[in-house]
Amino acid sequence: MTVETNAFRDFKNGRQFCCHAGVALFSYESSSSIRSKSRVSNRADKSIKALLHMAALSVATRRKNGELHEYYLRKVAEGKNKMLVFNAIKIKLVLRMFAGINFNVFYDKNYVFEFA
C-alpha cells in the first residue's frame, strides 16, 4: 500500500483510495428513477483490489475473536450478501489504515475522539 499510494501522498483520504482500488460503491440513477443497484467501478487497480479482498477474507473468516469477524457474522445473520459484507470490510480496512497514517497513531479499538 505504501508503494501504491506513494507513501500516502497521492491520495488525500481513504475514500479516494477506495475509488482507486475499486471498492467504493457508485449508484446508477437519474433525477427521478433508480436504474440499477449500486456497484463498484470496473476501472480499478485489480492488484490492490485483490490484496484488499484477501485481507478482508482473512480478518472476517480466520480471526475468530476480532471485531471485524463479529461484524461479518452479524451482517450475514441479518441476511446481507457475503460479498457486500466483504466489500464493507475492505472499506473499513482502508479507512483505518488512512486514519492511522494521517494521525500518526496505532489503531486503538477503544479510541474516543476529543474536541480541542
N, C-alpha and C. Protein backbone atom coordinates (compact mmCIF):
# COMPACT_ATOMS: atom_id res chain seq x y z
N MET A 1 0.82 -1.19 0.00
CA MET A 1 0.00 0.00 0.00
C MET A 1 0.87 1.26 0.00
N THR A 2 1.99 1.17 0.66
CA THR A 2 2.87 2.33 0.71
C THR A 2 3.39 2.68 -0.67
N VAL A 3 3.75 1.68 -1.46
CA VAL A 3 4.24 1.94 -2.80
C VAL A 3 3.12 2.45 -3.70
N GLU A 4 1.96 1.83 -3.60
CA GLU A 4 0.83 2.21 -4.46
C GLU A 4 0.36 3.64 -4.18
N THR A 5 0.44 4.07 -2.93
CA THR A 5 -0.05 5.40 -2.56
C THR A 5 1.06 6.44 -2.54
N ASN A 6 2.29 6.06 -2.93
CA ASN A 6 3.44 6.96 -2.89
C ASN A 6 3.61 7.48 -1.46
N ALA A 7 3.70 6.56 -0.54
CA ALA A 7 3.84 6.86 0.90
C ALA A 7 2.67 7.70 1.39
N PHE A 8 1.47 7.40 0.90
CA PHE A 8 0.21 8.05 1.30
C PHE A 8 0.17 9.53 0.95
N ARG A 9 0.89 9.91 -0.12
CA ARG A 9 0.86 11.31 -0.57
C ARG A 9 -0.01 11.51 -1.81
N ASP A 10 -0.29 10.45 -2.57
CA ASP A 10 -1.07 10.59 -3.80
C ASP A 10 -2.58 10.71 -3.56
N PHE A 11 -3.03 10.28 -2.40
CA PHE A 11 -4.46 10.31 -2.09
C PHE A 11 -4.67 11.14 -0.83
N LYS A 12 -5.65 12.03 -0.87
CA LYS A 12 -5.89 12.91 0.27
C LYS A 12 -6.57 12.18 1.42
N ASN A 13 -7.40 11.21 1.09
CA ASN A 13 -8.11 10.49 2.15
C ASN A 13 -8.38 9.05 1.70
N GLY A 14 -8.90 8.28 2.60
CA GLY A 14 -9.17 6.88 2.33
C GLY A 14 -10.26 6.66 1.30
N ARG A 15 -11.20 7.58 1.23
CA ARG A 15 -12.30 7.43 0.28
C ARG A 15 -11.79 7.50 -1.17
N GLN A 16 -10.83 8.39 -1.42
CA GLN A 16 -10.23 8.46 -2.76
C GLN A 16 -9.51 7.16 -3.11
N PHE A 17 -8.82 6.59 -2.12
CA PHE A 17 -8.12 5.33 -2.37
C PHE A 17 -9.11 4.20 -2.60
N CYS A 18 -10.25 4.23 -1.91
CA CYS A 18 -11.30 3.22 -2.13
C CYS A 18 -11.79 3.28 -3.58
N CYS A 19 -11.94 4.49 -4.12
CA CYS A 19 -12.35 4.63 -5.51
C CYS A 19 -11.28 4.07 -6.44
N HIS A 20 -10.02 4.36 -6.15
CA HIS A 20 -8.92 3.87 -6.97
C HIS A 20 -8.82 2.35 -6.93
N ALA A 21 -9.04 1.78 -5.75
CA ALA A 21 -8.92 0.34 -5.58
C ALA A 21 -10.16 -0.41 -6.06
N GLY A 22 -11.24 0.30 -6.31
CA GLY A 22 -12.44 -0.33 -6.84
C GLY A 22 -13.33 -0.95 -5.78
N VAL A 23 -13.33 -0.40 -4.57
CA VAL A 23 -14.21 -0.94 -3.54
C VAL A 23 -15.30 0.05 -3.14
N ALA A 24 -15.25 1.27 -3.64
CA ALA A 24 -16.30 2.25 -3.34
C ALA A 24 -17.52 1.99 -4.21
N LEU A 25 -18.69 2.09 -3.62
CA LEU A 25 -19.92 1.86 -4.36
C LEU A 25 -20.37 3.13 -5.08
N PHE A 26 -20.87 2.97 -6.29
CA PHE A 26 -21.43 4.07 -7.07
C PHE A 26 -22.85 3.71 -7.45
N SER A 27 -23.75 4.65 -7.28
CA SER A 27 -25.15 4.39 -7.64
C SER A 27 -25.40 4.85 -9.06
N TYR A 28 -26.21 4.11 -9.75
CA TYR A 28 -26.58 4.43 -11.12
C TYR A 28 -28.04 4.89 -11.10
N GLU A 29 -28.25 6.21 -11.15
CA GLU A 29 -29.61 6.73 -11.08
C GLU A 29 -29.72 8.03 -11.86
N SER A 30 -30.93 8.33 -12.24
CA SER A 30 -31.21 9.61 -12.88
C SER A 30 -31.92 10.49 -11.85
N SER A 31 -32.50 11.57 -12.30
CA SER A 31 -33.10 12.51 -11.35
C SER A 31 -34.33 11.94 -10.65
N SER A 32 -35.07 11.06 -11.31
CA SER A 32 -36.31 10.59 -10.70
C SER A 32 -36.41 9.09 -10.55
N SER A 33 -35.54 8.34 -11.18
CA SER A 33 -35.66 6.89 -11.09
C SER A 33 -34.30 6.25 -10.85
N ILE A 34 -34.34 5.12 -10.19
CA ILE A 34 -33.12 4.36 -9.95
C ILE A 34 -33.01 3.31 -11.05
N ARG A 35 -31.88 3.33 -11.77
CA ARG A 35 -31.73 2.42 -12.90
C ARG A 35 -31.26 1.03 -12.49
N SER A 36 -30.39 0.95 -11.51
CA SER A 36 -29.91 -0.36 -11.08
C SER A 36 -29.31 -0.24 -9.69
N LYS A 37 -28.85 -1.37 -9.18
CA LYS A 37 -28.23 -1.39 -7.85
C LYS A 37 -26.90 -0.64 -7.88
N SER A 38 -26.45 -0.26 -6.71
CA SER A 38 -25.12 0.35 -6.59
C SER A 38 -24.07 -0.71 -6.89
N ARG A 39 -23.02 -0.29 -7.58
CA ARG A 39 -21.96 -1.21 -7.97
C ARG A 39 -20.61 -0.57 -7.75
N VAL A 40 -19.58 -1.41 -7.75
CA VAL A 40 -18.21 -0.90 -7.70
C VAL A 40 -17.77 -0.62 -9.14
N SER A 41 -16.81 0.27 -9.27
CA SER A 41 -16.33 0.64 -10.59
C SER A 41 -15.51 -0.49 -11.20
N ASN A 42 -15.63 -0.66 -12.50
CA ASN A 42 -14.85 -1.67 -13.20
C ASN A 42 -13.46 -1.15 -13.55
N ARG A 43 -13.25 0.16 -13.46
CA ARG A 43 -11.95 0.76 -13.75
C ARG A 43 -11.15 0.88 -12.46
N ALA A 44 -10.67 -0.23 -11.98
CA ALA A 44 -9.98 -0.26 -10.70
C ALA A 44 -8.62 -0.90 -10.87
N ASP A 45 -7.78 -0.66 -9.88
CA ASP A 45 -6.49 -1.33 -9.83
C ASP A 45 -6.74 -2.73 -9.27
N LYS A 46 -6.76 -3.71 -10.15
CA LYS A 46 -7.16 -5.07 -9.77
C LYS A 46 -6.20 -5.72 -8.78
N SER A 47 -4.92 -5.36 -8.83
CA SER A 47 -3.98 -5.98 -7.89
C SER A 47 -4.23 -5.49 -6.47
N ILE A 48 -4.51 -4.21 -6.31
CA ILE A 48 -4.82 -3.68 -4.98
C ILE A 48 -6.15 -4.24 -4.49
N LYS A 49 -7.11 -4.34 -5.39
CA LYS A 49 -8.42 -4.88 -5.02
C LYS A 49 -8.28 -6.32 -4.55
N ALA A 50 -7.44 -7.10 -5.21
CA ALA A 50 -7.22 -8.49 -4.81
C ALA A 50 -6.55 -8.57 -3.44
N LEU A 51 -5.58 -7.70 -3.18
CA LEU A 51 -4.92 -7.69 -1.88
C LEU A 51 -5.90 -7.32 -0.77
N LEU A 52 -6.74 -6.33 -1.04
CA LEU A 52 -7.74 -5.93 -0.04
C LEU A 52 -8.75 -7.06 0.20
N HIS A 53 -9.10 -7.78 -0.86
CA HIS A 53 -10.03 -8.89 -0.71
C HIS A 53 -9.43 -9.99 0.15
N MET A 54 -8.16 -10.30 -0.06
CA MET A 54 -7.52 -11.33 0.75
C MET A 54 -7.42 -10.90 2.21
N ALA A 55 -7.15 -9.61 2.45
CA ALA A 55 -7.10 -9.11 3.82
C ALA A 55 -8.47 -9.18 4.47
N ALA A 56 -9.52 -8.80 3.74
CA ALA A 56 -10.88 -8.86 4.29
C ALA A 56 -11.29 -10.30 4.56
N LEU A 57 -10.94 -11.18 3.66
CA LEU A 57 -11.24 -12.60 3.84
C LEU A 57 -10.55 -13.14 5.09
N SER A 58 -9.33 -12.71 5.30
CA SER A 58 -8.56 -13.18 6.45
C SER A 58 -9.15 -12.69 7.76
N VAL A 59 -9.45 -11.40 7.87
CA VAL A 59 -9.96 -10.88 9.14
C VAL A 59 -11.40 -11.30 9.39
N ALA A 60 -12.17 -11.56 8.35
CA ALA A 60 -13.58 -11.91 8.53
C ALA A 60 -13.79 -13.37 8.85
N THR A 61 -12.96 -14.25 8.31
CA THR A 61 -13.23 -15.67 8.47
C THR A 61 -12.20 -16.41 9.32
N ARG A 62 -10.98 -15.93 9.38
CA ARG A 62 -9.94 -16.69 10.08
C ARG A 62 -9.68 -16.18 11.49
N ARG A 63 -9.88 -14.92 11.74
CA ARG A 63 -9.68 -14.38 13.09
C ARG A 63 -11.00 -14.51 13.84
N LYS A 64 -11.08 -15.49 14.69
CA LYS A 64 -12.36 -15.81 15.34
C LYS A 64 -12.73 -14.86 16.47
N ASN A 65 -11.82 -14.05 16.97
CA ASN A 65 -12.14 -13.17 18.09
C ASN A 65 -11.99 -11.69 17.75
N GLY A 66 -11.93 -11.35 16.48
CA GLY A 66 -11.76 -9.96 16.10
C GLY A 66 -13.09 -9.25 15.92
N GLU A 67 -13.05 -7.93 15.99
CA GLU A 67 -14.29 -7.15 15.85
C GLU A 67 -14.83 -7.19 14.42
N LEU A 68 -13.96 -7.32 13.42
CA LEU A 68 -14.45 -7.42 12.05
C LEU A 68 -15.07 -8.79 11.78
N HIS A 69 -14.61 -9.80 12.48
CA HIS A 69 -15.25 -11.12 12.38
C HIS A 69 -16.66 -11.06 12.96
N GLU A 70 -16.79 -10.39 14.09
CA GLU A 70 -18.12 -10.21 14.70
C GLU A 70 -19.03 -9.40 13.78
N TYR A 71 -18.48 -8.36 13.14
CA TYR A 71 -19.24 -7.54 12.19
C TYR A 71 -19.71 -8.40 11.03
N TYR A 72 -18.81 -9.24 10.50
CA TYR A 72 -19.15 -10.13 9.39
C TYR A 72 -20.28 -11.08 9.76
N LEU A 73 -20.17 -11.72 10.91
CA LEU A 73 -21.20 -12.66 11.34
C LEU A 73 -22.54 -11.97 11.57
N ARG A 74 -22.51 -10.76 12.14
CA ARG A 74 -23.74 -10.02 12.41
C ARG A 74 -24.45 -9.64 11.12
N LYS A 75 -23.69 -9.14 10.13
CA LYS A 75 -24.30 -8.72 8.87
C LYS A 75 -24.81 -9.90 8.06
N VAL A 76 -24.10 -11.01 8.07
CA VAL A 76 -24.57 -12.20 7.35
C VAL A 76 -25.83 -12.74 8.02
N ALA A 77 -25.89 -12.68 9.36
CA ALA A 77 -27.09 -13.12 10.08
C ALA A 77 -28.28 -12.22 9.77
N GLU A 78 -28.02 -10.94 9.46
CA GLU A 78 -29.10 -10.02 9.07
C GLU A 78 -29.62 -10.31 7.67
N GLY A 79 -28.91 -11.16 6.92
CA GLY A 79 -29.35 -11.51 5.58
C GLY A 79 -28.62 -10.77 4.48
N LYS A 80 -27.55 -10.07 4.80
CA LYS A 80 -26.77 -9.35 3.79
C LYS A 80 -25.98 -10.33 2.95
N ASN A 81 -25.73 -9.96 1.71
CA ASN A 81 -24.91 -10.75 0.80
C ASN A 81 -23.48 -10.77 1.33
N LYS A 82 -22.83 -11.93 1.29
CA LYS A 82 -21.48 -12.06 1.83
C LYS A 82 -20.48 -11.17 1.11
N MET A 83 -20.60 -11.04 -0.20
CA MET A 83 -19.67 -10.20 -0.95
C MET A 83 -19.87 -8.73 -0.61
N LEU A 84 -21.09 -8.33 -0.33
CA LEU A 84 -21.37 -6.95 0.10
C LEU A 84 -20.71 -6.68 1.45
N VAL A 85 -20.75 -7.65 2.33
CA VAL A 85 -20.12 -7.50 3.65
C VAL A 85 -18.61 -7.47 3.50
N PHE A 86 -18.06 -8.32 2.63
CA PHE A 86 -16.61 -8.27 2.39
C PHE A 86 -16.20 -6.91 1.85
N ASN A 87 -17.00 -6.34 0.97
CA ASN A 87 -16.68 -5.02 0.43
C ASN A 87 -16.71 -3.97 1.54
N ALA A 88 -17.65 -4.05 2.45
CA ALA A 88 -17.71 -3.12 3.57
C ALA A 88 -16.49 -3.27 4.46
N ILE A 89 -16.03 -4.50 4.65
CA ILE A 89 -14.83 -4.73 5.46
C ILE A 89 -13.60 -4.16 4.76
N LYS A 90 -13.53 -4.28 3.44
CA LYS A 90 -12.41 -3.69 2.69
C LYS A 90 -12.37 -2.18 2.91
N ILE A 91 -13.53 -1.54 2.86
CA ILE A 91 -13.59 -0.10 3.07
C ILE A 91 -13.17 0.24 4.49
N LYS A 92 -13.60 -0.53 5.47
CA LYS A 92 -13.21 -0.30 6.86
C LYS A 92 -11.70 -0.43 7.03
N LEU A 93 -11.10 -1.42 6.38
CA LEU A 93 -9.65 -1.59 6.48
C LEU A 93 -8.90 -0.41 5.88
N VAL A 94 -9.35 0.07 4.72
CA VAL A 94 -8.68 1.21 4.08
C VAL A 94 -8.83 2.46 4.94
N LEU A 95 -10.03 2.71 5.45
CA LEU A 95 -10.23 3.91 6.26
C LEU A 95 -9.44 3.86 7.55
N ARG A 96 -9.31 2.70 8.16
CA ARG A 96 -8.49 2.56 9.37
C ARG A 96 -7.01 2.78 9.05
N MET A 97 -6.58 2.27 7.90
CA MET A 97 -5.19 2.45 7.50
C MET A 97 -4.88 3.93 7.30
N PHE A 98 -5.75 4.65 6.60
CA PHE A 98 -5.51 6.07 6.35
C PHE A 98 -5.63 6.89 7.63
N ALA A 99 -6.53 6.52 8.53
CA ALA A 99 -6.65 7.25 9.79
C ALA A 99 -5.37 7.10 10.61
N GLY A 100 -4.82 5.89 10.65
CA GLY A 100 -3.58 5.68 11.38
C GLY A 100 -2.43 6.46 10.80
N ILE A 101 -2.33 6.53 9.48
CA ILE A 101 -1.25 7.26 8.83
C ILE A 101 -1.43 8.77 9.01
N ASN A 102 -2.65 9.27 8.80
CA ASN A 102 -2.88 10.71 8.88
C ASN A 102 -2.70 11.27 10.28
N PHE A 103 -3.11 10.50 11.31
CA PHE A 103 -2.98 10.98 12.68
C PHE A 103 -1.72 10.48 13.37
N ASN A 104 -0.94 9.64 12.65
CA ASN A 104 0.33 9.12 13.15
C ASN A 104 0.16 8.39 14.48
N VAL A 105 -0.83 7.51 14.54
CA VAL A 105 -1.09 6.72 15.75
C VAL A 105 -1.34 5.27 15.34
N PHE A 106 -1.17 4.38 16.29
CA PHE A 106 -1.53 2.98 16.09
C PHE A 106 -3.02 2.82 16.30
N TYR A 107 -3.58 1.76 15.75
CA TYR A 107 -5.01 1.52 15.89
C TYR A 107 -5.35 1.20 17.34
N ASP A 108 -6.37 1.87 17.86
CA ASP A 108 -6.85 1.64 19.21
C ASP A 108 -8.34 1.34 19.13
N LYS A 109 -8.72 0.15 19.56
CA LYS A 109 -10.11 -0.28 19.48
C LYS A 109 -11.04 0.62 20.31
N ASN A 110 -10.55 1.14 21.40
CA ASN A 110 -11.36 1.94 22.32
C ASN A 110 -11.08 3.44 22.22
N TYR A 111 -10.62 3.90 21.05
CA TYR A 111 -10.29 5.31 20.86
C TYR A 111 -11.55 6.18 20.93
N VAL A 112 -11.46 7.30 21.62
CA VAL A 112 -12.55 8.27 21.71
C VAL A 112 -12.01 9.61 21.24
N PHE A 113 -12.66 10.18 20.23
CA PHE A 113 -12.22 11.47 19.70
C PHE A 113 -12.64 12.57 20.65
N GLU A 114 -11.70 13.44 21.00
CA GLU A 114 -11.99 14.55 21.91
C GLU A 114 -11.80 15.86 21.16
N PHE A 115 -12.79 16.74 21.27
CA PHE A 115 -12.68 18.05 20.65
C PHE A 115 -11.73 18.92 21.45
N ALA A 116 -10.93 19.71 20.75
CA ALA A 116 -9.94 20.55 21.43
C ALA A 116 -10.56 21.78 22.04
